[in-house]
Amino acid sequence: VRLQLWDIAGQERYGNMTRVYYREAVGALVVFDMTRLSTFQAVLKWKGDLDSKVTLSNGRPVPAVLLANKCDQRSHGLCPKLPKLDSFYQEHGFVGCFETSAKARRSFYFQTPNWAFVCA
């Protein structure tokens, strides 16, 4: 098994290059910052971009997991204004959703085997 992670940092300047990064992908992580509304608003843009440019060999969309970063900042920024993520991710075609925080050492890495299983 070969695991490659590409961080395109949500930058618009990479928009025309995403097909190169997505090529042969069998899974994706879409990350947003729970304290910055603009990053949450871009989630569906990136999911749509992914779905329009790459599919699995059976024609189905590449499984994508939504990661909500900086979950330790619940009382700040947009956290109180976010929709319920457990219903949001399902309604928008994500296979899962996890809250993460480097500061609180709440890591997605512990859940990666579950994600890898979904993509296999």
PDB file of N, CA and C in Angstrom:
ATOM      1  N   VAL A   1       0.844  -1.178   0.000  1.00  0.00           N
ATOM      2  CA  VAL A   1       0.000   0.000   0.000  1.00  0.00           C
ATOM      3  C   VAL A   1       0.887   1.237   0.000  1.00  0.00           C
ATOM      4  N   ARG A   2       0.590   2.169  -0.877  1.00  0.00           N
ATOM      5  CA  ARG A   2       1.332   3.429  -0.950  1.00  0.00           C
ATOM      6  C   ARG A   2       0.388   4.553  -0.540  1.00  0.00           C
ATOM      7  N   LEU A   3       0.797   5.339   0.430  1.00  0.00           N
ATOM      8  CA  LEU A   3       0.005   6.473   0.892  1.00  0.00           C
ATOM      9  C   LEU A   3       0.745   7.755   0.546  1.00  0.00           C
ATOM     10  N   GLN A   4       0.097   8.601  -0.243  1.00  0.00           N
ATOM     11  CA  GLN A   4       0.652   9.913  -0.565  1.00  0.00           C
ATOM     12  C   GLN A   4      -0.342  10.960  -0.110  1.00  0.00           C
ATOM     13  N   LEU A   5       0.146  11.969   0.580  1.00  0.00           N
ATOM     14  CA  LEU A   5      -0.696  13.080   1.010  1.00  0.00           C
ATOM     15  C   LEU A   5      -0.219  14.342   0.311  1.00  0.00           C
ATOM     16  N   TRP A   6      -1.146  15.044  -0.323  1.00  0.00           N
ATOM     17  CA  TRP A   6      -0.848  16.307  -0.992  1.00  0.00           C
ATOM     18  C   TRP A   6      -1.618  17.396  -0.272  1.00  0.00           C
ATOM     19  N   ASP A   7      -0.928  18.392   0.187  1.00  0.00           N
ATOM     20  CA  ASP A   7      -1.562  19.528   0.856  1.00  0.00           C
ATOM     21  C   ASP A   7      -1.577  20.697  -0.120  1.00  0.00           C
ATOM     22  N   ILE A   8      -2.769  20.996  -0.655  1.00  0.00           N
ATOM     23  CA  ILE A   8      -2.855  22.113  -1.597  1.00  0.00           C
ATOM     24  C   ILE A   8      -3.304  23.386  -0.893  1.00  0.00           C
ATOM     25  N   ALA A   9      -3.400  23.322   0.411  1.00  0.00           N
ATOM     26  CA  ALA A   9      -3.579  24.492   1.276  1.00  0.00           C
ATOM     27  C   ALA A   9      -4.791  25.350   0.946  1.00  0.00           C
ATOM     28  N   GLY A  10      -5.744  24.825   0.211  1.00  0.00           N
ATOM     29  CA  GLY A  10      -6.948  25.589  -0.095  1.00  0.00           C
ATOM     30  C   GLY A  10      -6.702  26.837  -0.908  1.00  0.00           C
ATOM     31  N   GLN A  11      -5.579  26.902  -1.569  1.00  0.00           N
ATOM     32  CA  GLN A  11      -5.215  28.099  -2.319  1.00  0.00           C
ATOM     33  C   GLN A  11      -5.859  28.090  -3.697  1.00  0.00           C
ATOM     34  N   GLU A  12      -6.472  29.199  -4.059  1.00  0.00           N
ATOM     35  CA  GLU A  12      -7.080  29.345  -5.376  1.00  0.00           C
ATOM     36  C   GLU A  12      -6.057  29.155  -6.489  1.00  0.00           C
ATOM     37  N   ARG A  13      -4.823  29.537  -6.250  1.00  0.00           N
ATOM     38  CA  ARG A  13      -3.821  29.443  -7.309  1.00  0.00           C
ATOM     39  C   ARG A  13      -3.554  28.007  -7.733  1.00  0.00           C
ATOM     40  N   TYR A  14      -3.956  27.044  -6.913  1.00  0.00           N
ATOM     41  CA  TYR A  14      -3.779  25.645  -7.276  1.00  0.00           C
ATOM     42  C   TYR A  14      -5.002  25.077  -7.990  1.00  0.00           C
ATOM     43  N   GLY A  15      -6.033  25.876  -8.149  1.00  0.00           N
ATOM     44  CA  GLY A  15      -7.283  25.411  -8.743  1.00  0.00           C
ATOM     45  C   GLY A  15      -7.126  24.740 -10.092  1.00  0.00           C
ATOM     46  N   ASN A  16      -6.274  25.286 -10.956  1.00  0.00           N
ATOM     47  CA  ASN A  16      -6.102  24.685 -12.273  1.00  0.00           C
ATOM     48  C   ASN A  16      -5.131  23.509 -12.254  1.00  0.00           C
ATOM     49  N   MET A  17      -4.508  23.243 -11.137  1.00  0.00           N
ATOM     50  CA  MET A  17      -3.555  22.134 -11.015  1.00  0.00           C
ATOM     51  C   MET A  17      -4.143  20.932 -10.272  1.00  0.00           C
ATOM     52  N   THR A  18      -5.345  21.070  -9.747  1.00  0.00           N
ATOM     53  CA  THR A  18      -5.864  20.009  -8.878  1.00  0.00           C
ATOM     54  C   THR A  18      -5.987  18.670  -9.583  1.00  0.00           C
ATOM     55  N   ARG A  19      -6.286  18.673 -10.872  1.00  0.00           N
ATOM     56  CA  ARG A  19      -6.397  17.395 -11.589  1.00  0.00           C
ATOM     57  C   ARG A  19      -5.094  16.588 -11.457  1.00  0.00           C
ATOM     58  N   VAL A  20      -3.963  17.257 -11.482  1.00  0.00           N
ATOM     59  CA  VAL A  20      -2.662  16.590 -11.329  1.00  0.00           C
ATOM     60  C   VAL A  20      -2.555  15.970  -9.939  1.00  0.00           C
ATOM     61  N   TYR A  21      -2.960  16.709  -8.917  1.00  0.00           N
ATOM     62  CA  TYR A  21      -2.886  16.195  -7.546  1.00  0.00           C
ATOM     63  C   TYR A  21      -3.884  15.064  -7.310  1.00  0.00           C
ATOM     64  N   TYR A  22      -5.055  15.157  -7.916  1.00  0.00           N
ATOM     65  CA  TYR A  22      -6.102  14.167  -7.695  1.00  0.00           C
ATOM     66  C   TYR A  22      -5.870  12.860  -8.452  1.00  0.00           C
ATOM     67  N   ARG A  23      -5.060  12.876  -9.488  1.00  0.00           N
ATOM     68  CA  ARG A  23      -4.891  11.712 -10.356  1.00  0.00           C
ATOM     69  C   ARG A  23      -4.567  10.466  -9.535  1.00  0.00           C
ATOM     70  N   GLU A  24      -5.300   9.412  -9.803  1.00  0.00           N
ATOM     71  CA  GLU A  24      -5.157   8.106  -9.153  1.00  0.00           C
ATOM     72  C   GLU A  24      -5.501   8.118  -7.667  1.00  0.00           C
ATOM     73  N   ALA A  25      -6.137   9.160  -7.193  1.00  0.00           N
ATOM     74  CA  ALA A  25      -6.539   9.211  -5.779  1.00  0.00           C
ATOM     75  C   ALA A  25      -7.643   8.192  -5.516  1.00  0.00           C
ATOM     76  N   VAL A  26      -7.599   7.593  -4.346  1.00  0.00           N
ATOM     77  CA  VAL A  26      -8.653   6.672  -3.925  1.00  0.00           C
ATOM     78  C   VAL A  26      -9.309   7.154  -2.635  1.00  0.00           C
ATOM     79  N   GLY A  27      -8.954   8.344  -2.212  1.00  0.00           N
ATOM     80  CA  GLY A  27      -9.540   8.948  -1.023  1.00  0.00           C
ATOM     81  C   GLY A  27      -9.041  10.367  -0.879  1.00  0.00           C
ATOM     82  N   ALA A  28      -9.787  11.172  -0.135  1.00  0.00           N
ATOM     83  CA  ALA A  28      -9.398  12.573   0.050  1.00  0.00           C
ATOM     84  C   ALA A  28      -9.807  13.059   1.433  1.00  0.00           C
ATOM     85  N   LEU A  29      -9.047  14.013   1.934  1.00  0.00           N
ATOM     86  CA  LEU A  29      -9.369  14.709   3.174  1.00  0.00           C
ATOM     87  C   LEU A  29      -9.646  16.159   2.810  1.00  0.00           C
ATOM     88  N   VAL A  30     -10.788  16.673   3.224  1.00  0.00           N
ATOM     89  CA  VAL A  30     -11.111  18.086   3.028  1.00  0.00           C
ATOM     90  C   VAL A  30     -11.136  18.708   4.420  1.00  0.00           C
ATOM     91  N   VAL A  31     -10.238  19.652   4.658  1.00  0.00           N
ATOM     92  CA  VAL A  31     -10.044  20.227   5.992  1.00  0.00           C
ATOM     93  C   VAL A  31     -10.499  21.677   6.007  1.00  0.00           C
ATOM     94  N   PHE A  32     -11.190  22.064   7.081  1.00  0.00           N
ATOM     95  CA  PHE A  32     -11.499  23.478   7.278  1.00  0.00           C
ATOM     96  C   PHE A  32     -11.157  23.881   8.698  1.00  0.00           C
ATOM     97  N   ASP A  33     -10.956  25.166   8.891  1.00  0.00           N
ATOM     98  CA  ASP A  33     -10.595  25.763  10.178  1.00  0.00           C
ATOM     99  C   ASP A  33     -11.887  26.203  10.865  1.00  0.00           C
ATOM    100  N   MET A  34     -12.190  25.628  12.019  1.00  0.00           N
ATOM    101  CA  MET A  34     -13.443  25.929  12.712  1.00  0.00           C
ATOM    102  C   MET A  34     -13.546  27.376  13.184  1.00  0.00           C
ATOM    103  N   THR A  35     -12.476  28.137  13.085  1.00  0.00           N
ATOM    104  CA  THR A  35     -12.523  29.538  13.519  1.00  0.00           C
ATOM    105  C   THR A  35     -12.622  30.511  12.350  1.00  0.00           C
ATOM    106  N   ARG A  36     -12.609  30.005  11.117  1.00  0.00           N
ATOM    107  CA  ARG A  36     -12.635  30.882   9.938  1.00  0.00           C
ATOM    108  C   ARG A  36     -13.749  30.465   8.985  1.00  0.00           C
ATOM    109  N   LEU A  37     -14.776  31.296   8.897  1.00  0.00           N
ATOM    110  CA  LEU A  37     -15.939  30.999   8.069  1.00  0.00           C
ATOM    111  C   LEU A  37     -15.560  30.751   6.612  1.00  0.00           C
ATOM    112  N   SER A  38     -14.611  31.505   6.083  1.00  0.00           N
ATOM    113  CA  SER A  38     -14.250  31.355   4.664  1.00  0.00           C
ATOM    114  C   SER A  38     -13.766  29.939   4.355  1.00  0.00           C
ATOM    115  N   THR A  39     -13.093  29.305   5.287  1.00  0.00           N
ATOM    116  CA  THR A  39     -12.609  27.947   5.027  1.00  0.00           C
ATOM    117  C   THR A  39     -13.763  26.956   5.027  1.00  0.00           C
ATOM    118  N   PHE A  40     -14.762  27.184   5.885  1.00  0.00           N
ATOM    119  CA  PHE A  40     -15.939  26.314   5.879  1.00  0.00           C
ATOM    120  C   PHE A  40     -16.739  26.514   4.597  1.00  0.00           C
ATOM    121  N   GLN A  41     -16.876  27.761   4.171  1.00  0.00           N
ATOM    122  CA  GLN A  41     -17.621  28.047   2.946  1.00  0.00           C
ATOM    123  C   GLN A  41     -16.957  27.416   1.723  1.00  0.00           C
ATOM    124  N   ALA A  42     -15.662  27.191   1.770  1.00  0.00           N
ATOM    125  CA  ALA A  42     -14.937  26.600   0.640  1.00  0.00           C
ATOM    126  C   ALA A  42     -15.022  25.076   0.600  1.00  0.00           C
ATOM    127  N   VAL A  43     -15.523  24.453   1.644  1.00  0.00           N
ATOM    128  CA  VAL A  43     -15.581  22.994   1.724  1.00  0.00           C
ATOM    129  C   VAL A  43     -16.314  22.402   0.521  1.00  0.00           C
ATOM    130  N   LEU A  44     -17.490  22.926   0.215  1.00  0.00           N
ATOM    131  CA  LEU A  44     -18.268  22.358  -0.881  1.00  0.00           C
ATOM    132  C   LEU A  44     -17.638  22.641  -2.235  1.00  0.00           C
ATOM    133  N   LYS A  45     -16.926  23.752  -2.345  1.00  0.00           N
ATOM    134  CA  LYS A  45     -16.197  24.053  -3.584  1.00  0.00           C
ATOM    135  C   LYS A  45     -15.142  22.980  -3.831  1.00  0.00           C
ATOM    136  N   TRP A  46     -14.365  22.664  -2.791  1.00  0.00           N
ATOM    137  CA  TRP A  46     -13.311  21.662  -2.942  1.00  0.00           C
ATOM    138  C   TRP A  46     -13.893  20.268  -3.156  1.00  0.00           C
ATOM    139  N   LYS A  47     -14.984  19.953  -2.490  1.00  0.00           N
ATOM    140  CA  LYS A  47     -15.632  18.643  -2.690  1.00  0.00           C
ATOM    141  C   LYS A  47     -16.149  18.544  -4.119  1.00  0.00           C
ATOM    142  N   GLY A  48     -16.758  19.607  -4.619  1.00  0.00           N
ATOM    143  CA  GLY A  48     -17.247  19.618  -5.997  1.00  0.00           C
ATOM    144  C   GLY A  48     -16.117  19.492  -7.002  1.00  0.00           C
ATOM    145  N   ASP A  49     -15.008  20.168  -6.735  1.00  0.00           N
ATOM    146  CA  ASP A  49     -13.842  20.093  -7.610  1.00  0.00           C
ATOM    147  C   ASP A  49     -13.314  18.660  -7.659  1.00  0.00           C
ATOM    148  N   LEU A  50     -13.208  18.049  -6.502  1.00  0.00           N
ATOM    149  CA  LEU A  50     -12.748  16.663  -6.418  1.00  0.00           C
ATOM    150  C   LEU A  50     -13.671  15.741  -7.209  1.00  0.00           C
ATOM    151  N   ASP A  51     -14.972  15.845  -6.959  1.00  0.00           N
ATOM    152  CA  ASP A  51     -15.943  14.964  -7.615  1.00  0.00           C
ATOM    153  C   ASP A  51     -15.969  15.153  -9.128  1.00  0.00           C
ATOM    154  N   SER A  52     -15.695  16.361  -9.593  1.00  0.00           N
ATOM    155  CA  SER A  52     -15.745  16.624 -11.037  1.00  0.00           C
ATOM    156  C   SER A  52     -14.485  16.173 -11.770  1.00  0.00           C
ATOM    157  N   LYS A  53     -13.400  15.929 -11.042  1.00  0.00           N
ATOM    158  CA  LYS A  53     -12.127  15.639 -11.707  1.00  0.00           C
ATOM    159  C   LYS A  53     -11.586  14.233 -11.513  1.00  0.00           C
ATOM    160  N   VAL A  54     -12.133  13.477 -10.585  1.00  0.00           N
ATOM    161  CA  VAL A  54     -11.607  12.122 -10.370  1.00  0.00           C
ATOM    162  C   VAL A  54     -12.715  11.224  -9.824  1.00  0.00           C
ATOM    163  N   THR A  55     -12.707   9.979 -10.294  1.00  0.00           N
ATOM    164  CA  THR A  55     -13.626   8.964  -9.783  1.00  0.00           C
ATOM    165  C   THR A  55     -12.841   7.671  -9.587  1.00  0.00           C
ATOM    166  N   LEU A  56     -13.440   6.767  -8.871  1.00  0.00           N
ATOM    167  CA  LEU A  56     -12.846   5.444  -8.712  1.00  0.00           C
ATOM    168  C   LEU A  56     -13.011   4.667 -10.017  1.00  0.00           C
ATOM    169  N   SER A  57     -12.364   3.541 -10.130  1.00  0.00           N
ATOM    170  CA  SER A  57     -12.435   2.748 -11.362  1.00  0.00           C
ATOM    171  C   SER A  57     -13.854   2.285 -11.677  1.00  0.00           C
ATOM    172  N   ASN A  58     -14.713   2.203 -10.654  1.00  0.00           N
ATOM    173  CA  ASN A  58     -16.101   1.795 -10.878  1.00  0.00           C
ATOM    174  C   ASN A  58     -17.015   2.984 -11.189  1.00  0.00           C
ATOM    175  N   GLY A  59     -16.429   4.184 -11.316  1.00  0.00           N
ATOM    176  CA  GLY A  59     -17.206   5.374 -11.653  1.00  0.00           C
ATOM    177  C   GLY A  59     -17.783   6.118 -10.459  1.00  0.00           C
ATOM    178  N   ARG A  60     -17.633   5.567  -9.281  1.00  0.00           N
ATOM    179  CA  ARG A  60     -18.159   6.228  -8.079  1.00  0.00           C
ATOM    180  C   ARG A  60     -17.211   7.333  -7.633  1.00  0.00           C
ATOM    181  N   PRO A  61     -17.745   8.313  -6.894  1.00  0.00           N
ATOM    182  CA  PRO A  61     -16.878   9.390  -6.388  1.00  0.00           C
ATOM    183  C   PRO A  61     -15.812   8.851  -5.437  1.00  0.00           C
ATOM    184  N   VAL A  62     -14.688   9.517  -5.411  1.00  0.00           N
ATOM    185  CA  VAL A  62     -13.624   9.178  -4.473  1.00  0.00           C
ATOM    186  C   VAL A  62     -14.130   9.472  -3.059  1.00  0.00           C
ATOM    187  N   PRO A  63     -14.004   8.541  -2.117  1.00  0.00           N
ATOM    188  CA  PRO A  63     -14.443   8.809  -0.748  1.00  0.00           C
ATOM    189  C   PRO A  63     -13.678   9.997  -0.160  1.00  0.00           C
ATOM    190  N   ALA A  64     -14.411  10.915   0.421  1.00  0.00           N
ATOM    191  CA  ALA A  64     -13.800  12.102   1.028  1.00  0.00           C
ATOM    192  C   ALA A  64     -14.260  12.219   2.475  1.00  0.00           C
ATOM    193  N   VAL A  65     -13.315  12.495   3.349  1.00  0.00           N
ATOM    194  CA  VAL A  65     -13.587  12.691   4.772  1.00  0.00           C
ATOM    195  C   VAL A  65     -13.447  14.179   5.075  1.00  0.00           C
ATOM    196  N   LEU A  66     -14.398  14.718   5.820  1.00  0.00           N
ATOM    197  CA  LEU A  66     -14.370  16.121   6.231  1.00  0.00           C
ATOM    198  C   LEU A  66     -13.686  16.223   7.592  1.00  0.00           C
ATOM    199  N   LEU A  67     -12.660  17.075   7.678  1.00  0.00           N
ATOM    200  CA  LEU A  67     -11.951  17.294   8.943  1.00  0.00           C
ATOM    201  C   LEU A  67     -12.177  18.725   9.406  1.00  0.00           C
ATOM    202  N   ALA A  68     -12.696  18.867  10.617  1.00  0.00           N
ATOM    203  CA  ALA A  68     -12.922  20.179  11.230  1.00  0.00           C
ATOM    204  C   ALA A  68     -11.759  20.452  12.174  1.00  0.00           C
ATOM    205  N   ASN A  69     -10.834  21.295  11.740  1.00  0.00           N
ATOM    206  CA  ASN A  69      -9.620  21.571  12.507  1.00  0.00           C
ATOM    207  C   ASN A  69      -9.861  22.675  13.543  1.00  0.00           C
ATOM    208  N   LYS A  70      -9.031  22.701  14.575  1.00  0.00           N
ATOM    209  CA  LYS A  70      -9.095  23.658  15.688  1.00  0.00           C
ATOM    210  C   LYS A  70     -10.371  23.491  16.518  1.00  0.00           C
ATOM    211  N   CYS A  71     -10.751  22.248  16.762  1.00  0.00           N
ATOM    212  CA  CYS A  71     -11.960  22.004  17.550  1.00  0.00           C
ATOM    213  C   CYS A  71     -11.794  22.445  19.001  1.00  0.00           C
ATOM    214  N   ASP A  72     -10.566  22.735  19.415  1.00  0.00           N
ATOM    215  CA  ASP A  72     -10.333  23.243  20.770  1.00  0.00           C
ATOM    216  C   ASP A  72     -10.799  24.694  20.911  1.00  0.00           C
ATOM    217  N   GLN A  73     -11.138  25.331  19.809  1.00  0.00           N
ATOM    218  CA  GLN A  73     -11.536  26.744  19.808  1.00  0.00           C
ATOM    219  C   GLN A  73     -13.056  26.911  19.746  1.00  0.00           C
ATOM    220  N   ARG A  74     -13.807  25.995  20.324  1.00  0.00           N
ATOM    221  CA  ARG A  74     -15.273  26.004  20.223  1.00  0.00           C
ATOM    222  C   ARG A  74     -15.925  27.334  20.585  1.00  0.00           C
ATOM    223  N   SER A  75     -15.389  28.034  21.538  1.00  0.00           N
ATOM    224  CA  SER A  75     -16.033  29.275  21.980  1.00  0.00           C
ATOM    225  C   SER A  75     -15.634  30.476  21.129  1.00  0.00           C
ATOM    226  N   HIS A  76     -14.784  30.270  20.124  1.00  0.00           N
ATOM    227  CA  HIS A  76     -14.296  31.366  19.290  1.00  0.00           C
ATOM    228  C   HIS A  76     -14.799  31.239  17.860  1.00  0.00           C
ATOM    229  N   GLY A  77     -14.711  32.323  17.145  1.00  0.00           N
ATOM    230  CA  GLY A  77     -14.961  32.293  15.710  1.00  0.00           C
ATOM    231  C   GLY A  77     -16.338  31.801  15.342  1.00  0.00           C
ATOM    232  N   LEU A  78     -16.396  30.946  14.339  1.00  0.00           N
ATOM    233  CA  LEU A  78     -17.671  30.532  13.802  1.00  0.00           C
ATOM    234  C   LEU A  78     -18.211  29.257  14.426  1.00  0.00           C
ATOM    235  N   CYS A  79     -17.508  28.634  15.325  1.00  0.00           N
ATOM    236  CA  CYS A  79     -17.937  27.353  15.889  1.00  0.00           C
ATOM    237  C   CYS A  79     -19.403  27.325  16.299  1.00  0.00           C
ATOM    238  N   PRO A  80     -19.882  28.312  17.052  1.00  0.00           N
ATOM    239  CA  PRO A  80     -21.289  28.269  17.440  1.00  0.00           C
ATOM    240  C   PRO A  80     -22.245  28.407  16.255  1.00  0.00           C
ATOM    241  N   LYS A  81     -21.775  28.931  15.128  1.00  0.00           N
ATOM    242  CA  LYS A  81     -22.627  29.166  13.965  1.00  0.00           C
ATOM    243  C   LYS A  81     -22.621  28.012  12.967  1.00  0.00           C
ATOM    244  N   LEU A  82     -21.771  27.029  13.181  1.00  0.00           N
ATOM    245  CA  LEU A  82     -21.671  25.915  12.239  1.00  0.00           C
ATOM    246  C   LEU A  82     -22.926  25.053  12.267  1.00  0.00           C
ATOM    247  N   PRO A  83     -23.300  24.507  11.105  1.00  0.00           N
ATOM    248  CA  PRO A  83     -24.402  23.543  11.120  1.00  0.00           C
ATOM    249  C   PRO A  83     -23.942  22.274  11.836  1.00  0.00           C
ATOM    250  N   LYS A  84     -24.868  21.431  12.159  1.00  0.00           N
ATOM    251  CA  LYS A  84     -24.515  20.151  12.775  1.00  0.00           C
ATOM    252  C   LYS A  84     -23.693  19.349  11.772  1.00  0.00           C
ATOM    253  N   LEU A  85     -22.434  19.125  12.102  1.00  0.00           N
ATOM    254  CA  LEU A  85     -21.529  18.483  11.153  1.00  0.00           C
ATOM    255  C   LEU A  85     -21.920  17.044  10.853  1.00  0.00           C
ATOM    256  N   ASP A  86     -22.548  16.354  11.826  1.00  0.00           N
ATOM    257  CA  ASP A  86     -22.915  14.963  11.576  1.00  0.00           C
ATOM    258  C   ASP A  86     -23.958  14.840  10.475  1.00  0.00           C
ATOM    259  N   SER A  87     -24.832  15.820  10.325  1.00  0.00           N
ATOM    260  CA  SER A  87     -25.781  15.775   9.213  1.00  0.00           C
ATOM    261  C   SER A  87     -25.206  16.444   7.964  1.00  0.00           C
ATOM    262  N   PHE A  88     -24.398  17.490   8.135  1.00  0.00           N
ATOM    263  CA  PHE A  88     -23.812  18.208   7.002  1.00  0.00           C
ATOM    264  C   PHE A  88     -22.963  17.279   6.136  1.00  0.00           C
ATOM    265  N   TYR A  89     -22.083  16.508   6.769  1.00  0.00           N
ATOM    266  CA  TYR A  89     -21.182  15.668   5.972  1.00  0.00           C
ATOM    267  C   TYR A  89     -21.957  14.624   5.177  1.00  0.00           C
ATOM    268  N   GLN A  90     -23.009  14.065   5.762  1.00  0.00           N
ATOM    269  CA  GLN A  90     -23.802  13.058   5.057  1.00  0.00           C
ATOM    270  C   GLN A  90     -24.583  13.675   3.902  1.00  0.00           C
ATOM    271  N   GLU A  91     -25.160  14.839   4.132  1.00  0.00           N
ATOM    272  CA  GLU A  91     -25.954  15.508   3.099  1.00  0.00           C
ATOM    273  C   GLU A  91     -25.111  15.917   1.894  1.00  0.00           C
ATOM    274  N   HIS A  92     -23.812  16.084   2.095  1.00  0.00           N
ATOM    275  CA  HIS A  92     -22.953  16.588   1.024  1.00  0.00           C
ATOM    276  C   HIS A  92     -21.961  15.550   0.495  1.00  0.00           C
ATOM    277  N   GLY A  93     -22.216  14.278   0.769  1.00  0.00           N
ATOM    278  CA  GLY A  93     -21.461  13.202   0.135  1.00  0.00           C
ATOM    279  C   GLY A  93     -20.119  12.849   0.741  1.00  0.00           C
ATOM    280  N   PHE A  94     -19.848  13.307   1.953  1.00  0.00           N
ATOM    281  CA  PHE A  94     -18.624  12.887   2.635  1.00  0.00           C
ATOM    282  C   PHE A  94     -18.879  11.537   3.301  1.00  0.00           C
ATOM    283  N   VAL A  95     -17.846  10.718   3.422  1.00  0.00           N
ATOM    284  CA  VAL A  95     -18.014   9.399   4.043  1.00  0.00           C
ATOM    285  C   VAL A  95     -17.820   9.442   5.553  1.00  0.00           C
ATOM    286  N   GLY A  96     -17.326  10.548   6.068  1.00  0.00           N
ATOM    287  CA  GLY A  96     -17.121  10.690   7.497  1.00  0.00           C
ATOM    288  C   GLY A  96     -16.730  12.108   7.837  1.00  0.00           C
ATOM    289  N   CYS A  97     -16.769  12.411   9.131  1.00  0.00           N
ATOM    290  CA  CYS A  97     -16.398  13.741   9.613  1.00  0.00           C
ATOM    291  C   CYS A  97     -15.752  13.579  10.982  1.00  0.00           C
ATOM    292  N   PHE A  98     -14.615  14.241  11.163  1.00  0.00           N
ATOM    293  CA  PHE A  98     -13.900  14.172  12.434  1.00  0.00           C
ATOM    294  C   PHE A  98     -13.449  15.564  12.831  1.00  0.00           C
ATOM    295  N   GLU A  99     -13.469  15.831  14.123  1.00  0.00           N
ATOM    296  CA  GLU A  99     -12.934  17.084  14.650  1.00  0.00           C
ATOM    297  C   GLU A  99     -11.498  16.834  15.088  1.00  0.00           C
ATOM    298  N   THR A 100     -10.616  17.781  14.771  1.00  0.00           N
ATOM    299  CA  THR A 100      -9.198  17.633  15.089  1.00  0.00           C
ATOM    300  C   THR A 100      -8.666  18.895  15.761  1.00  0.00           C
ATOM    301  N   SER A 101      -7.555  18.743  16.464  1.00  0.00           N
ATOM    302  CA  SER A 101      -6.880  19.882  17.079  1.00  0.00           C
ATOM    303  C   SER A 101      -5.434  19.509  17.380  1.00  0.00           C
ATOM    304  N   ALA A 102      -4.501  20.240  16.794  1.00  0.00           N
ATOM    305  CA  ALA A 102      -3.088  20.017  17.117  1.00  0.00           C
ATOM    306  C   ALA A 102      -2.813  20.469  18.545  1.00  0.00           C
ATOM    307  N   LYS A 103      -3.412  21.588  18.930  1.00  0.00           N
ATOM    308  CA  LYS A 103      -3.183  22.142  20.262  1.00  0.00           C
ATOM    309  C   LYS A 103      -3.644  21.179  21.356  1.00  0.00           C
ATOM    310  N   ALA A 104      -4.821  20.594  21.173  1.00  0.00           N
ATOM    311  CA  ALA A 104      -5.371  19.678  22.171  1.00  0.00           C
ATOM    312  C   ALA A 104      -4.932  18.231  21.923  1.00  0.00           C
ATOM    313  N   ARG A 105      -4.070  18.057  20.925  1.00  0.00           N
ATOM    314  CA  ARG A 105      -3.581  16.725  20.554  1.00  0.00           C
ATOM    315  C   ARG A 105      -4.716  15.761  20.247  1.00  0.00           C
ATOM    316  N   ARG A 106      -5.709  16.298  19.597  1.00  0.00           N
ATOM    317  CA  ARG A 106      -6.829  15.479  19.134  1.00  0.00           C
ATOM    318  C   ARG A 106      -6.607  15.262  17.643  1.00  0.00           C
ATOM    319  N   SER A 107      -6.124  14.103  17.315  1.00  0.00           N
ATOM    320  CA  SER A 107      -5.607  13.865  15.975  1.00  0.00           C
ATOM    321  C   SER A 107      -6.470  12.922  15.166  1.00  0.00           C
ATOM    322  N   PHE A 108      -6.530  13.204  13.892  1.00  0.00           N
ATOM    323  CA  PHE A 108      -7.194  12.310  12.948  1.00  0.00           C
ATOM    324  C   PHE A 108      -6.351  11.064  12.701  1.00  0.00           C
ATOM    325  N   TYR A 109      -5.055  11.151  12.944  1.00  0.00           N
ATOM    326  CA  TYR A 109      -4.160  10.037  12.639  1.00  0.00           C
ATOM    327  C   TYR A 109      -4.584   8.744  13.327  1.00  0.00           C
ATOM    328  N   PHE A 110      -5.168   8.862  14.497  1.00  0.00           N
ATOM    329  CA  PHE A 110      -5.617   7.664  15.195  1.00  0.00           C
ATOM    330  C   PHE A 110      -6.795   7.018  14.480  1.00  0.00           C
ATOM    331  N   GLN A 111      -7.500   7.805  13.678  1.00  0.00           N
ATOM    332  CA  GLN A 111      -8.657   7.285  12.961  1.00  0.00           C
ATOM    333  C   GLN A 111      -8.324   6.943  11.517  1.00  0.00           C
ATOM    334  N   THR A 112      -7.107   7.194  11.079  1.00  0.00           N
ATOM    335  CA  THR A 112      -6.721   6.951   9.695  1.00  0.00           C
ATOM    336  C   THR A 112      -6.950   5.504   9.258  1.00  0.00           C
ATOM    337  N   PRO A 113      -6.662   4.494  10.091  1.00  0.00           N
ATOM    338  CA  PRO A 113      -6.949   3.128   9.631  1.00  0.00           C
ATOM    339  C   PRO A 113      -8.417   2.944   9.244  1.00  0.00           C
ATOM    340  N   ASN A 114      -9.330   3.582   9.970  1.00  0.00           N
ATOM    341  CA  ASN A 114     -10.742   3.490   9.610  1.00  0.00           C
ATOM    342  C   ASN A 114     -10.984   4.116   8.246  1.00  0.00           C
ATOM    343  N   TRP A 115     -10.357   5.275   8.000  1.00  0.00           N
ATOM    344  CA  TRP A 115     -10.510   5.951   6.721  1.00  0.00           C
ATOM    345  C   TRP A 115      -9.906   5.115   5.606  1.00  0.00           C
ATOM    346  N   ALA A 116      -8.742   4.538   5.849  1.00  0.00           N
ATOM    347  CA  ALA A 116      -8.092   3.707   4.837  1.00  0.00           C
ATOM    348  C   ALA A 116      -8.961   2.503   4.503  1.00  0.00           C
ATOM    349  N   PHE A 117      -9.640   1.963   5.492  1.00  0.00           N
ATOM    350  CA  PHE A 117     -10.521   0.825   5.254  1.00  0.00           C
ATOM    351  C   PHE A 117     -11.681   1.228   4.350  1.00  0.00           C
ATOM    352  N   VAL A 118     -12.246   2.406   4.573  1.00  0.00           N
ATOM    353  CA  VAL A 118     -13.350   2.905   3.753  1.00  0.00           C
ATOM    354  C   VAL A 118     -12.910   3.037   2.304  1.00  0.00           C
ATOM    355  N   CYS A 119     -11.671   3.463   2.085  1.00  0.00           N
ATOM    356  CA  CYS A 119     -11.167   3.707   0.731  1.00  0.00           C
ATOM    357  C   CYS A 119     -10.713   2.437   0.025  1.00  0.00           C
ATOM    358  N   ALA A 120     -10.478   1.380   0.764  1.00  0.00           N
ATOM    359  CA  ALA A 120      -9.940   0.150   0.159  1.00  0.00           C
ATOM    360  C   ALA A 120     -10.992  -0.592  -0.640  1.00  0.00           C
TER     361      ALA A 120
END
